Structure formats: structure tokens, C-alpha cells
């Protein structure tokens, strides 16, 4: 074959290959070619954490139907300063990596939240499609709840003033001090559309090291006798029966009557959960420690919870 013919054949092959290369790949073809499909989103939380303040308005207050013998007025639950100021005296809600794990060298690098997103046809006929979102939380995610106060609100049942506190709001003192909730590695699966897993949100996971709550403090912020609090330095929740992990299986759905949580398993499937409470104090936080408390065999398996407005 002459050089010219070889060059011509090569050019024809290249052109043909280029034409095929320009063909659009559908989802199935791409999966077959690359072995991958769907979308993965990784959210990297900065070392300073993600912070926010919140104002939750109760537009009609405590009504007569709920047992109020007087007149109802709108109020609000205020978390943090709720004014965008993160350097004032009130702690904001924050999501951050557990600094103790970083110091101990257990967890290196930033805290990541991973979302794996796939669309599925549901069956061979494609008649039950759904969107599947798997949320993966790294061990050591810490949720700082923020300081909680109560305030007067400008919101009303008719919608006036929504999004603002009263013009000159009156605040209570902090009724619950900020606490830290430290999570073990956790997976949550969400299905939208059809729900072959049996629920919109399914929690079926084992938190390595269990669930820890640090610095829970419920304060007496008003009344004739005031100034003290119920304080627990630490609460560690884990499977009863020897494991330090916490198993949670729960189905979460939204019905016409509200948010429904079906708690299949919380702790061991038979024995439930254990709770170790340390540093219990009544009165001032600096008051003498009254001791530690151990709860064994807390069995919440099969509990149903419904959350709705009134």
C-alpha cells in the first residue's frame, strides 16, 4: 500500500471515529462505558463551621383552645442572636467538626457531607420511578444548638409582620444554653417520588461510638425564684448490652396530619439503649456535683412520633 493510500485510510478511520465520538451518550450508555452513574455532591464544611441564627414565630401564641385562661399574643423562639452578629454574647447554631477528634489525630482533614443522587425507574417496566438521595455524614460532626431565648413577635396569624420580631422585642434570659451534639458516622437515605424502601426518609445506621451530648443546661430564667439550672455535663447514648455504638432504624414520612417518625430500633433490637449521664448539677453550674446517672435498658423500639402544628 502506497503512503498516499495509507494516509487516506487513516484519515477515513479518524473521521469515522470522530463522528462516533460526537454521539450523545444516554445515562445507560455512559454507565456501561465508565462504570459510573448518577451524581455525587461533596460539601466541605470550613474549619470555622457553618453558623446561623433562627427565629421561630408562634403567630397566635398560647391560645384558649390550648388552655390559656388569658389573652394570646404572638411570641418567638430565638436561637442565637438571630441578628447576623456572631461575636455577641449569645452562641449561634453551628455545624462543625469535633475538635477533640482532630486534636487526638482520629480525624484528619475537613468535615465532609456526601450526597449520592440517582434516578431509578423502579422496576423492569419503569412504572415506579424515584429519586434516591443517600446522605453520608462523617464521624465527628458536631451540632452546636445555640442559646435559646423567648421574645415577643410582630408576626400574626394573618401573616402581618412575618420575618421580624416585635419593634422593641422583650427577651427572656436564656432558657436553654447551647449544647454540643456529637454524631458518629451516619447514613440517611431519602427517596422522592415512589418509595420502594417503605418511607420517604429512612435512617438505618450504626453510629460508631454512639451519640454524645455535651453541656445540656435548662435554666430557670424567670419567676419569683430564679437563677438556677438543671445541668448535665455529658450524656453518652449507646446500645445496651456491651457495644459502644448506637443502632438507629427509623422511617420518616409526611402525612396529611404532620411529620411522622416510626422508630423501629433505638439501640439494641432487644435490650434498647444505655445512657451514661455525668456531671449532674442542680442550681448554679458551679454547684456541687450530685453524682452520675446510669440508665440501662431504655427501650423505645416501636415508638411512633407525630409532629404537627396547632
Protein backbone atom coordinates (compact mmCIF):
# COMPACT_ATOMS: atom_id res chain seq x y z
CA UNK A 1 0.00 0.00 0.00
CA UNK A 2 1.41 3.40 -1.02
CA UNK A 3 1.92 6.15 1.52
CA UNK A 4 -0.95 8.16 -0.04
CA UNK A 5 -3.38 5.24 0.31
CA UNK A 6 -2.29 4.63 3.90
CA UNK A 7 -2.83 8.28 4.71
CA UNK A 8 -6.29 8.20 3.08
CA UNK A 9 -7.38 5.10 5.04
CA UNK A 10 -6.07 6.63 8.27
CA UNK A 11 -7.96 9.86 7.62
CA UNK A 12 -11.21 7.98 6.86
CA UNK A 13 -10.84 5.95 10.08
CA UNK A 14 -10.17 9.10 12.12
CA UNK A 15 -13.20 10.87 10.64
CA UNK A 16 -15.45 7.89 11.35
CA UNK A 17 -14.17 7.60 14.91
CA UNK A 18 -14.67 11.32 15.42
CA UNK A 19 -18.26 11.07 14.26
CA UNK A 20 -18.97 8.30 16.76
CA UNK A 21 -17.18 10.25 19.47
CA UNK A 22 -19.57 13.15 18.93
CA UNK A 23 -22.65 10.97 19.55
CA UNK A 24 -24.53 11.86 22.75
CA UNK A 25 -24.35 9.19 25.43
CA UNK A 26 -27.54 8.48 27.29
CA UNK A 27 -27.41 7.69 31.02
CA UNK A 28 -27.36 3.92 30.50
CA UNK A 29 -24.65 4.04 27.81
CA UNK A 30 -22.48 6.29 29.93
CA UNK A 31 -22.84 3.94 32.86
CA UNK A 32 -21.84 0.98 30.69
CA UNK A 33 -18.82 2.85 29.31
CA UNK A 34 -17.49 4.33 32.55
CA UNK A 35 -18.88 2.04 35.22
CA UNK A 36 -20.29 5.10 36.98
CA UNK A 37 -23.66 6.81 37.02
CA UNK A 38 -25.60 9.40 38.97
CA UNK A 39 -24.24 12.46 40.73
CA UNK A 40 -22.08 12.79 43.83
CA UNK A 41 -22.02 16.10 45.71
CA UNK A 42 -19.44 16.63 48.46
CA UNK A 43 -19.98 19.52 50.86
CA UNK A 44 -16.81 20.50 52.72
CA UNK A 45 -17.52 22.30 55.98
CA UNK A 46 -14.94 25.01 56.82
CA UNK A 47 -12.90 24.66 59.99
CA UNK A 48 -14.85 27.57 61.47
CA UNK A 49 -18.10 25.69 60.88
CA UNK A 50 -21.41 26.73 59.34
CA UNK A 51 -23.26 29.12 61.66
CA UNK A 52 -26.77 30.52 61.72
CA UNK A 53 -29.31 32.21 63.97
CA UNK A 54 -33.02 31.42 63.84
CA UNK A 55 -36.32 32.99 64.82
CA UNK A 56 -39.29 30.60 65.03
CA UNK A 57 -42.56 32.55 65.24
CA UNK A 58 -45.65 31.30 67.07
CA UNK A 59 -48.02 33.71 65.34
CA UNK A 60 -51.06 33.25 67.57
CA UNK A 61 -49.31 32.50 70.86
CA UNK A 62 -50.79 30.26 73.56
CA UNK A 63 -54.47 30.17 72.61
CA UNK A 64 -57.56 29.49 74.72
CA UNK A 65 -58.04 26.23 72.83
CA UNK A 66 -54.68 25.10 74.20
CA UNK A 67 -55.63 26.08 77.76
CA UNK A 68 -54.61 29.74 78.09
CA UNK A 69 -57.07 31.46 80.50
CA UNK A 70 -55.93 34.91 79.33
CA UNK A 71 -55.26 36.68 76.03
CA UNK A 72 -52.89 35.15 73.49
CA UNK A 73 -50.11 37.20 71.87
CA UNK A 74 -47.57 36.19 69.25
CA UNK A 75 -44.18 35.10 70.50
CA UNK A 76 -40.99 33.66 69.09
CA UNK A 77 -38.26 31.19 69.93
CA UNK A 78 -34.90 32.84 69.25
CA UNK A 79 -31.82 30.70 68.65
CA UNK A 80 -28.55 32.60 68.93
CA UNK A 81 -28.59 36.34 68.43
CA UNK A 82 -30.69 36.00 65.24
CA UNK A 83 -29.34 39.32 64.00
CA UNK A 84 -26.35 38.11 62.00
CA UNK A 85 -23.92 39.10 64.74
CA UNK A 86 -21.73 36.11 65.56
CA UNK A 87 -19.49 37.87 68.09
CA UNK A 88 -22.08 38.85 70.72
CA UNK A 89 -22.86 37.11 73.99
CA UNK A 90 -25.24 34.53 72.50
CA UNK A 91 -23.99 31.36 70.85
CA UNK A 92 -25.28 30.71 67.34
CA UNK A 93 -26.26 27.32 65.98
CA UNK A 94 -23.21 25.77 64.33
CA UNK A 95 -22.24 22.65 62.39
CA UNK A 96 -18.54 21.86 62.70
CA UNK A 97 -16.04 19.04 63.06
CA UNK A 98 -15.42 17.70 66.57
CA UNK A 99 -12.19 19.39 67.67
CA UNK A 100 -11.41 16.60 70.15
CA UNK A 101 -11.13 14.11 67.28
CA UNK A 102 -8.84 16.47 65.39
CA UNK A 103 -6.61 17.02 68.43
CA UNK A 104 -6.39 13.28 69.03
CA UNK A 105 -5.48 12.65 65.40
CA UNK A 106 -8.52 10.43 64.86
CA UNK A 107 -9.96 12.54 62.05
CA UNK A 108 -7.76 14.44 59.64
CA UNK A 109 -8.83 16.97 57.06
CA UNK A 110 -12.14 18.83 56.78
CA UNK A 111 -15.58 17.54 57.66
CA UNK A 112 -17.38 16.32 54.55
CA UNK A 113 -21.05 15.67 53.89
CA UNK A 114 -21.59 13.46 50.84
CA UNK A 115 -24.75 13.27 48.71
CA UNK A 116 -25.09 10.40 46.22
CA UNK A 117 -28.00 11.16 43.89
CA UNK A 118 -29.56 8.67 41.45
CA UNK A 119 -32.79 8.48 39.44
CA UNK A 120 -34.20 4.95 39.19
CA UNK A 121 -37.00 3.51 37.08
CA UNK A 122 -38.18 1.36 39.98
CA UNK A 123 -38.84 -1.84 38.04
CA UNK A 124 -38.31 -3.54 34.67
CA UNK A 125 -41.29 -1.69 33.22
CA UNK A 126 -40.14 1.67 34.55
CA UNK A 127 -43.54 2.32 36.12
CA UNK A 128 -42.37 3.28 39.63
CA UNK A 129 -39.59 5.86 39.23
CA UNK A 130 -38.00 7.64 42.16
CA UNK A 131 -35.11 9.92 43.08
CA UNK A 132 -32.71 8.37 45.59
CA UNK A 133 -30.50 10.62 47.72
CA UNK A 134 -28.05 8.96 50.08
CA UNK A 135 -26.61 11.36 52.65
CA UNK A 136 -23.35 10.34 54.31
CA UNK A 137 -22.19 12.13 57.47
CA UNK A 138 -18.63 11.68 58.69
CA UNK A 139 -17.91 10.68 62.26
CA UNK A 140 -17.28 13.68 64.45
CA UNK A 141 -19.93 16.01 63.04
CA UNK A 142 -20.83 18.31 65.91
CA UNK A 143 -24.08 20.28 66.03
CA UNK A 144 -23.92 23.22 68.42
CA UNK A 145 -27.56 24.01 69.16
CA UNK A 146 -27.13 27.70 70.06
CA UNK A 147 -28.52 29.61 73.05
CA UNK A 148 -32.34 29.62 73.15
CA UNK A 149 -34.46 32.55 74.37
CA UNK A 150 -38.10 33.60 74.03
CA UNK A 151 -39.17 37.00 72.67
CA UNK A 152 -42.27 38.96 71.67
CA UNK A 153 -43.09 38.75 67.97
CA UNK A 154 -44.57 41.04 65.33
CA UNK A 155 -45.91 38.07 63.39
CA UNK A 156 -49.64 37.34 63.43
CA UNK A 157 -51.94 34.55 62.34
CA UNK A 158 -52.96 36.68 59.34
CA UNK A 159 -49.34 36.91 58.20
CA UNK A 160 -48.56 40.52 59.14
CA UNK A 161 -45.03 41.12 60.32
CA UNK A 162 -43.74 37.69 59.38
CA UNK A 163 -39.97 37.63 59.38
CA UNK A 164 -39.47 40.12 62.19
CA UNK A 165 -39.55 40.32 65.95
CA UNK A 166 -41.62 43.00 67.62
CA UNK A 167 -40.48 46.60 67.04
CA UNK A 168 -38.98 46.66 70.53
CA UNK A 169 -38.94 42.98 71.45
CA UNK A 170 -38.74 41.85 75.04
CA UNK A 171 -36.41 38.92 75.51
CA UNK A 172 -36.29 36.43 78.33
CA UNK A 173 -32.98 35.28 79.63
CA UNK A 174 -31.50 32.19 78.02
CA UNK A 175 -33.86 29.31 78.82
CA UNK A 176 -31.60 26.61 77.37
CA UNK A 177 -27.88 27.09 77.00
CA UNK A 178 -26.12 25.91 73.88
CA UNK A 179 -25.06 22.26 73.88
CA UNK A 180 -22.94 20.14 71.56
CA UNK A 181 -24.36 17.02 69.90
CA UNK A 182 -21.56 14.82 68.55
CA UNK A 183 -22.59 12.25 65.94
CA UNK A 184 -20.90 9.04 64.90
CA UNK A 185 -20.71 8.18 61.20
CA UNK A 186 -24.30 8.18 59.92
CA UNK A 187 -26.10 7.37 56.65
CA UNK A 188 -29.57 8.66 55.78
CA UNK A 189 -31.43 7.59 52.64
CA UNK A 190 -34.11 9.80 51.05
CA UNK A 191 -36.49 8.67 48.29
CA UNK A 192 -38.72 11.13 46.46
CA UNK A 193 -41.48 10.09 44.09
CA UNK A 194 -42.10 6.41 44.73
CA UNK A 195 -40.65 4.91 47.92
CA UNK A 196 -39.58 1.27 47.47
CA UNK A 197 -37.69 1.45 50.78
CA UNK A 198 -41.05 1.98 52.51
CA UNK A 199 -40.55 5.57 53.67
CA UNK A 200 -39.59 8.98 52.34
CA UNK A 201 -36.59 9.18 54.70
CA UNK A 202 -35.02 6.02 56.07
CA UNK A 203 -32.44 6.03 58.81
CA UNK A 204 -30.80 2.62 59.08
CA UNK A 205 -27.37 3.11 60.54
CA UNK A 206 -24.99 2.34 63.35
CA UNK A 207 -23.27 5.40 64.81
CA UNK A 208 -19.71 4.43 65.64
CA UNK A 209 -19.03 5.43 69.24
CA UNK A 210 -22.68 6.25 69.88
CA UNK A 211 -24.31 9.65 70.34
CA UNK A 212 -22.83 12.21 72.76
CA UNK A 213 -24.49 15.37 74.12
CA UNK A 214 -22.21 17.76 75.99
CA UNK A 215 -23.22 20.70 78.20
CA UNK A 216 -27.01 20.39 78.41
CA UNK A 217 -28.37 23.16 80.66
CA UNK A 218 -32.06 24.00 81.22
CA UNK A 219 -32.29 27.36 83.00
CA UNK A 220 -34.92 28.87 85.30
CA UNK A 221 -34.89 32.33 83.70
CA UNK A 222 -37.93 33.96 85.35
CA UNK A 223 -40.37 33.99 88.25
CA UNK A 224 -40.06 34.85 91.94
CA UNK A 225 -37.41 32.18 92.49
CA UNK A 226 -34.91 32.05 89.63
CA UNK A 227 -31.28 31.96 88.60
CA UNK A 228 -30.53 28.23 88.74
CA UNK A 229 -30.49 25.47 86.17
CA UNK A 230 -30.55 21.72 85.62
CA UNK A 231 -27.16 20.87 84.18
CA UNK A 232 -25.66 17.67 82.74
CA UNK A 233 -22.03 17.82 81.65
CA UNK A 234 -22.25 14.84 79.30
CA UNK A 235 -24.70 12.22 78.05
CA UNK A 236 -23.46 9.21 76.13
CA UNK A 237 -26.13 7.09 74.40
CA UNK A 238 -25.25 3.65 73.04
CA UNK A 239 -26.57 0.11 72.57
CA UNK A 240 -27.42 -1.75 75.76
CA UNK A 241 -25.52 -4.99 76.07
CA UNK A 242 -21.87 -4.02 75.71
CA UNK A 243 -21.46 -2.18 72.38
CA UNK A 244 -20.37 1.47 72.43
CA UNK A 245 -22.12 2.09 69.09
CA UNK A 246 -25.72 3.23 68.66
CA UNK A 247 -28.03 1.48 66.19
CA UNK A 248 -30.92 3.53 64.84
CA UNK A 249 -33.61 2.35 62.43
CA UNK A 250 -36.38 4.85 61.71
CA UNK A 251 -38.89 5.61 58.94
CA UNK A 252 -39.83 9.25 58.43
CA UNK A 253 -42.85 10.29 56.36
CA UNK A 254 -45.01 13.37 55.91
CA UNK A 255 -48.74 12.63 56.05
CA UNK A 256 -51.76 14.92 55.92
CA UNK A 257 -51.63 15.12 59.73
CA UNK A 258 -47.96 16.01 60.12
CA UNK A 259 -44.44 14.64 60.21
CA UNK A 260 -44.42 11.01 61.32
CA UNK A 261 -41.41 9.20 62.75
CA UNK A 262 -41.63 5.43 63.25
CA UNK A 263 -38.73 4.41 65.49
CA UNK A 264 -38.15 0.75 64.72
CA UNK A 265 -34.90 0.37 66.64
CA UNK A 266 -33.11 2.71 69.02
CA UNK A 267 -30.14 0.88 70.47
CA UNK A 268 -30.11 -2.89 70.71
CA UNK A 269 -33.04 -4.63 68.99
CA UNK A 270 -33.92 -6.46 72.22
CA UNK A 271 -32.39 -4.53 75.11
CA UNK A 272 -32.72 -0.94 73.87
CA UNK A 273 -30.20 1.75 74.78
CA UNK A 274 -27.95 2.70 77.66
CA UNK A 275 -27.42 6.32 78.73
CA UNK A 276 -24.48 7.44 80.87
CA UNK A 277 -25.04 10.91 82.37
CA UNK A 278 -22.12 12.60 84.12
CA UNK A 279 -21.68 15.89 85.96
CA UNK A 280 -25.29 16.37 87.11
CA UNK A 281 -25.80 19.67 88.94
CA UNK A 282 -28.90 21.43 90.30
CA UNK A 283 -28.69 25.18 90.88
CA UNK A 284 -25.64 27.09 89.67
CA UNK A 285 -23.40 25.33 87.17
CA UNK A 286 -20.58 25.74 89.69
CA UNK A 287 -22.64 23.99 92.38
CA UNK A 288 -21.54 20.68 93.81
CA UNK A 289 -21.98 17.68 91.54
CA UNK A 290 -24.80 15.46 92.83
CA UNK A 291 -23.34 12.44 91.03
CA UNK A 292 -23.58 10.47 87.83
CA UNK A 293 -26.61 8.59 86.49
CA UNK A 294 -26.72 5.35 84.51
CA UNK A 295 -29.86 4.38 82.60
CA UNK A 296 -29.96 0.79 81.40
CA UNK A 297 -32.43 -0.84 79.02
CA UNK A 298 -34.16 2.31 77.74
CA UNK A 299 -36.39 0.60 75.19
CA UNK A 300 -38.03 2.97 72.71
CA UNK A 301 -38.29 0.35 69.95
CA UNK A 302 -41.62 0.61 68.14
CA UNK A 303 -42.31 4.17 69.28
CA UNK A 304 -44.29 6.40 66.88
CA UNK A 305 -43.90 10.20 66.96
CA UNK A 306 -46.12 12.71 65.13
CA UNK A 307 -45.15 16.39 64.87
CA UNK A 308 -47.79 18.90 63.73
CA UNK A 309 -48.88 22.48 64.26
CA UNK A 310 -51.93 23.57 66.25
